[in-house]
Amino acid sequence: MSDWSGLFGGLGVVCLLAGFVWVVLAGFGEKLEWGLGLLFFSGIAYPLFLIFHWRTAKPTLMLKHIGFGLILLAAHSDSSPASLDADY
């Protein structure tokens, strides 16, 4: 694992976790039921929250996409042909 892939992967995980905490707090700000639903049933409640509260949830979606992109970048930079050849 190169230093850059570790950095990108770590930043990606931090962005994903920050996005999750942010959307749960936004859900509690809207209504107690939204907050509990986002905390315990994110797979169902998050798309619904995006539909019904787009203005509130849009920044959290962007942050999660940035985190996912950083994780993909870390995975790609770690498995590039140049890093695979360096082991020999």
N, C-alpha and C. Protein backbone atom coordinates (compact mmCIF):
# COMPACT_ATOMS: atom_id res chain seq x y z
N MET A 1 0.85 -1.18 0.00
CA MET A 1 0.00 0.00 0.00
C MET A 1 0.89 1.24 0.00
N SER A 2 0.65 2.12 -0.94
CA SER A 2 1.44 3.33 -0.99
C SER A 2 0.89 4.35 0.00
N ASP A 3 1.69 5.37 0.24
CA ASP A 3 1.26 6.40 1.17
C ASP A 3 0.02 7.13 0.67
N TRP A 4 -0.04 7.36 -0.63
CA TRP A 4 -1.17 8.09 -1.20
C TRP A 4 -2.46 7.28 -1.10
N SER A 5 -2.39 5.99 -1.35
CA SER A 5 -3.62 5.20 -1.28
C SER A 5 -4.13 5.12 0.16
N GLY A 6 -3.22 5.04 1.12
CA GLY A 6 -3.64 5.06 2.52
C GLY A 6 -4.27 6.38 2.91
N LEU A 7 -3.70 7.47 2.41
CA LEU A 7 -4.24 8.79 2.70
C LEU A 7 -5.62 8.95 2.07
N PHE A 8 -5.74 8.60 0.79
CA PHE A 8 -7.03 8.73 0.11
C PHE A 8 -8.08 7.82 0.74
N GLY A 9 -7.70 6.60 1.08
CA GLY A 9 -8.65 5.68 1.71
C GLY A 9 -9.11 6.19 3.06
N GLY A 10 -8.17 6.70 3.84
CA GLY A 10 -8.53 7.25 5.16
C GLY A 10 -9.43 8.46 5.06
N LEU A 11 -9.11 9.37 4.13
CA LEU A 11 -9.97 10.53 3.93
C LEU A 11 -11.35 10.13 3.43
N GLY A 12 -11.40 9.10 2.58
CA GLY A 12 -12.68 8.62 2.09
C GLY A 12 -13.56 8.07 3.20
N VAL A 13 -12.96 7.30 4.08
CA VAL A 13 -13.72 6.75 5.22
C VAL A 13 -14.19 7.86 6.13
N VAL A 14 -13.34 8.86 6.37
CA VAL A 14 -13.74 10.00 7.21
C VAL A 14 -14.91 10.74 6.57
N CYS A 15 -14.86 10.95 5.25
CA CYS A 15 -15.95 11.63 4.55
C CYS A 15 -17.25 10.83 4.64
N LEU A 16 -17.16 9.51 4.46
CA LEU A 16 -18.36 8.68 4.57
C LEU A 16 -18.96 8.74 5.98
N LEU A 17 -18.12 8.64 6.98
CA LEU A 17 -18.62 8.70 8.36
C LEU A 17 -19.19 10.08 8.69
N ALA A 18 -18.50 11.13 8.24
CA ALA A 18 -19.01 12.48 8.48
C ALA A 18 -20.34 12.70 7.78
N GLY A 19 -20.48 12.17 6.57
CA GLY A 19 -21.74 12.28 5.85
C GLY A 19 -22.86 11.55 6.57
N PHE A 20 -22.55 10.39 7.13
CA PHE A 20 -23.56 9.63 7.87
C PHE A 20 -24.00 10.39 9.13
N VAL A 21 -23.03 10.89 9.89
CA VAL A 21 -23.37 11.63 11.11
C VAL A 21 -24.16 12.88 10.76
N TRP A 22 -23.76 13.56 9.69
CA TRP A 22 -24.43 14.79 9.28
C TRP A 22 -25.89 14.52 8.90
N VAL A 23 -26.13 13.46 8.14
CA VAL A 23 -27.50 13.19 7.73
C VAL A 23 -28.35 12.72 8.91
N VAL A 24 -27.77 12.01 9.84
CA VAL A 24 -28.54 11.60 11.02
C VAL A 24 -28.91 12.84 11.85
N LEU A 25 -27.96 13.75 12.03
CA LEU A 25 -28.26 14.98 12.76
C LEU A 25 -29.29 15.83 12.03
N ALA A 26 -29.20 15.87 10.71
CA ALA A 26 -30.21 16.60 9.92
C ALA A 26 -31.57 15.94 10.07
N GLY A 27 -31.60 14.63 10.11
CA GLY A 27 -32.86 13.92 10.32
C GLY A 27 -33.48 14.24 11.66
N PHE A 28 -32.65 14.25 12.71
CA PHE A 28 -33.17 14.62 14.02
C PHE A 28 -33.63 16.07 14.04
N GLY A 29 -32.98 16.92 13.23
CA GLY A 29 -33.41 18.31 13.14
C GLY A 29 -34.77 18.46 12.48
N GLU A 30 -35.11 17.57 11.57
CA GLU A 30 -36.42 17.61 10.92
C GLU A 30 -37.50 17.04 11.84
N LYS A 31 -37.25 15.85 12.34
CA LYS A 31 -38.24 15.18 13.19
C LYS A 31 -37.56 14.00 13.87
N LEU A 32 -37.98 13.66 15.06
CA LEU A 32 -37.39 12.56 15.80
C LEU A 32 -37.45 11.25 15.02
N GLU A 33 -38.57 11.01 14.34
CA GLU A 33 -38.74 9.76 13.59
C GLU A 33 -37.74 9.67 12.44
N TRP A 34 -37.48 10.80 11.77
CA TRP A 34 -36.48 10.78 10.70
C TRP A 34 -35.10 10.44 11.25
N GLY A 35 -34.75 11.04 12.36
CA GLY A 35 -33.44 10.77 12.95
C GLY A 35 -33.27 9.32 13.35
N LEU A 36 -34.28 8.76 14.00
CA LEU A 36 -34.20 7.35 14.40
C LEU A 36 -34.19 6.43 13.18
N GLY A 37 -35.00 6.77 12.20
CA GLY A 37 -35.02 5.97 10.98
C GLY A 37 -33.68 5.99 10.26
N LEU A 38 -33.06 7.16 10.18
CA LEU A 38 -31.75 7.27 9.52
C LEU A 38 -30.65 6.58 10.33
N LEU A 39 -30.79 6.59 11.62
CA LEU A 39 -29.79 5.95 12.47
C LEU A 39 -29.86 4.43 12.40
N PHE A 40 -31.07 3.87 12.42
CA PHE A 40 -31.21 2.42 12.50
C PHE A 40 -31.58 1.74 11.17
N PHE A 41 -32.20 2.47 10.26
CA PHE A 41 -32.64 1.89 8.99
C PHE A 41 -32.19 2.76 7.82
N SER A 42 -30.90 3.02 7.73
CA SER A 42 -30.38 3.96 6.73
C SER A 42 -30.67 3.53 5.31
N GLY A 43 -30.62 2.25 5.04
CA GLY A 43 -30.83 1.76 3.68
C GLY A 43 -32.20 2.09 3.13
N ILE A 44 -33.18 2.18 4.00
CA ILE A 44 -34.54 2.50 3.58
C ILE A 44 -34.82 3.99 3.77
N ALA A 45 -34.40 4.53 4.91
CA ALA A 45 -34.77 5.90 5.27
C ALA A 45 -33.98 6.95 4.48
N TYR A 46 -32.72 6.65 4.13
CA TYR A 46 -31.91 7.66 3.45
C TYR A 46 -32.45 8.04 2.08
N PRO A 47 -32.81 7.08 1.22
CA PRO A 47 -33.41 7.51 -0.07
C PRO A 47 -34.71 8.28 0.12
N LEU A 48 -35.52 7.88 1.08
CA LEU A 48 -36.76 8.61 1.35
C LEU A 48 -36.47 10.02 1.87
N PHE A 49 -35.48 10.14 2.73
CA PHE A 49 -35.10 11.45 3.25
C PHE A 49 -34.58 12.34 2.12
N LEU A 50 -33.84 11.74 1.19
CA LEU A 50 -33.37 12.51 0.03
C LEU A 50 -34.54 13.04 -0.80
N ILE A 51 -35.55 12.23 -0.98
CA ILE A 51 -36.71 12.63 -1.78
C ILE A 51 -37.50 13.73 -1.08
N PHE A 52 -37.78 13.56 0.19
CA PHE A 52 -38.66 14.49 0.89
C PHE A 52 -37.95 15.73 1.43
N HIS A 53 -36.65 15.64 1.65
CA HIS A 53 -35.90 16.77 2.22
C HIS A 53 -34.62 17.00 1.41
N TRP A 54 -34.79 17.23 0.11
CA TRP A 54 -33.64 17.33 -0.79
C TRP A 54 -32.69 18.46 -0.40
N ARG A 55 -33.21 19.62 -0.08
CA ARG A 55 -32.33 20.75 0.25
C ARG A 55 -31.48 20.47 1.49
N THR A 56 -32.02 19.76 2.42
CA THR A 56 -31.27 19.44 3.65
C THR A 56 -30.28 18.31 3.41
N ALA A 57 -30.66 17.34 2.60
CA ALA A 57 -29.85 16.12 2.44
C ALA A 57 -28.82 16.21 1.31
N LYS A 58 -28.95 17.18 0.41
CA LYS A 58 -28.05 17.25 -0.74
C LYS A 58 -26.56 17.36 -0.34
N PRO A 59 -26.19 18.22 0.62
CA PRO A 59 -24.76 18.28 0.99
C PRO A 59 -24.23 16.96 1.55
N THR A 60 -25.08 16.23 2.27
CA THR A 60 -24.62 14.95 2.82
C THR A 60 -24.39 13.93 1.72
N LEU A 61 -25.24 13.97 0.69
CA LEU A 61 -25.06 13.07 -0.45
C LEU A 61 -23.76 13.39 -1.17
N MET A 62 -23.47 14.67 -1.35
CA MET A 62 -22.22 15.08 -2.02
C MET A 62 -21.01 14.62 -1.21
N LEU A 63 -21.06 14.77 0.10
CA LEU A 63 -19.95 14.36 0.95
C LEU A 63 -19.74 12.85 0.89
N LYS A 64 -20.83 12.09 0.87
CA LYS A 64 -20.71 10.64 0.75
C LYS A 64 -20.15 10.24 -0.61
N HIS A 65 -20.53 10.94 -1.68
CA HIS A 65 -19.98 10.64 -3.00
C HIS A 65 -18.49 10.97 -3.06
N ILE A 66 -18.09 12.05 -2.45
CA ILE A 66 -16.66 12.39 -2.40
C ILE A 66 -15.89 11.31 -1.65
N GLY A 67 -16.44 10.86 -0.53
CA GLY A 67 -15.78 9.80 0.24
C GLY A 67 -15.68 8.51 -0.55
N PHE A 68 -16.75 8.15 -1.24
CA PHE A 68 -16.72 6.93 -2.05
C PHE A 68 -15.71 7.06 -3.19
N GLY A 69 -15.65 8.25 -3.80
CA GLY A 69 -14.67 8.48 -4.87
C GLY A 69 -13.25 8.39 -4.36
N LEU A 70 -12.99 8.91 -3.18
CA LEU A 70 -11.64 8.82 -2.60
C LEU A 70 -11.26 7.37 -2.31
N ILE A 71 -12.22 6.59 -1.84
CA ILE A 71 -11.94 5.17 -1.58
C ILE A 71 -11.65 4.44 -2.88
N LEU A 72 -12.42 4.74 -3.93
CA LEU A 72 -12.15 4.13 -5.24
C LEU A 72 -10.78 4.56 -5.77
N LEU A 73 -10.44 5.82 -5.57
CA LEU A 73 -9.13 6.31 -6.00
C LEU A 73 -8.01 5.58 -5.25
N ALA A 74 -8.21 5.36 -3.96
CA ALA A 74 -7.22 4.64 -3.17
C ALA A 74 -7.08 3.20 -3.64
N ALA A 75 -8.19 2.57 -3.95
CA ALA A 75 -8.16 1.18 -4.42
C ALA A 75 -7.49 1.10 -5.79
N HIS A 76 -7.76 2.08 -6.64
CA HIS A 76 -7.17 2.08 -7.97
C HIS A 76 -5.68 2.37 -7.91
N SER A 77 -5.27 3.31 -7.07
CA SER A 77 -3.85 3.66 -7.01
C SER A 77 -3.03 2.54 -6.37
N ASP A 78 -3.67 1.71 -5.55
CA ASP A 78 -2.96 0.61 -4.92
C ASP A 78 -2.80 -0.58 -5.86
N SER A 79 -3.66 -0.69 -6.87
CA SER A 79 -3.60 -1.85 -7.76
C SER A 79 -3.15 -1.47 -9.17
N SER A 80 -2.46 -0.35 -9.30
CA SER A 80 -1.99 0.06 -10.61
C SER A 80 -0.88 -0.88 -11.08
N PRO A 81 -0.68 -1.03 -12.37
CA PRO A 81 0.37 -1.94 -12.86
C PRO A 81 1.76 -1.58 -12.36
N ALA A 82 2.04 -0.31 -12.18
CA ALA A 82 3.37 0.10 -11.71
C ALA A 82 3.62 -0.42 -10.28
N SER A 83 2.62 -0.36 -9.42
CA SER A 83 2.82 -0.84 -8.05
C SER A 83 2.88 -2.37 -8.02
N LEU A 84 2.24 -3.05 -8.95
CA LEU A 84 2.32 -4.50 -8.99
C LEU A 84 3.70 -4.97 -9.47
N ASP A 85 4.30 -4.24 -10.40
CA ASP A 85 5.63 -4.59 -10.87
C ASP A 85 6.71 -4.30 -9.85
N ALA A 86 6.46 -3.40 -8.95
CA ALA A 86 7.48 -3.02 -7.95
C ALA A 86 7.76 -4.15 -6.98
N ASP A 87 6.87 -5.13 -6.87
CA ASP A 87 7.07 -6.22 -5.92
C ASP A 87 8.13 -7.23 -6.42
N TYR A 88 8.45 -7.22 -7.69
CA TYR A 88 9.38 -8.20 -8.24
C TYR A 88 10.78 -7.72 -8.25
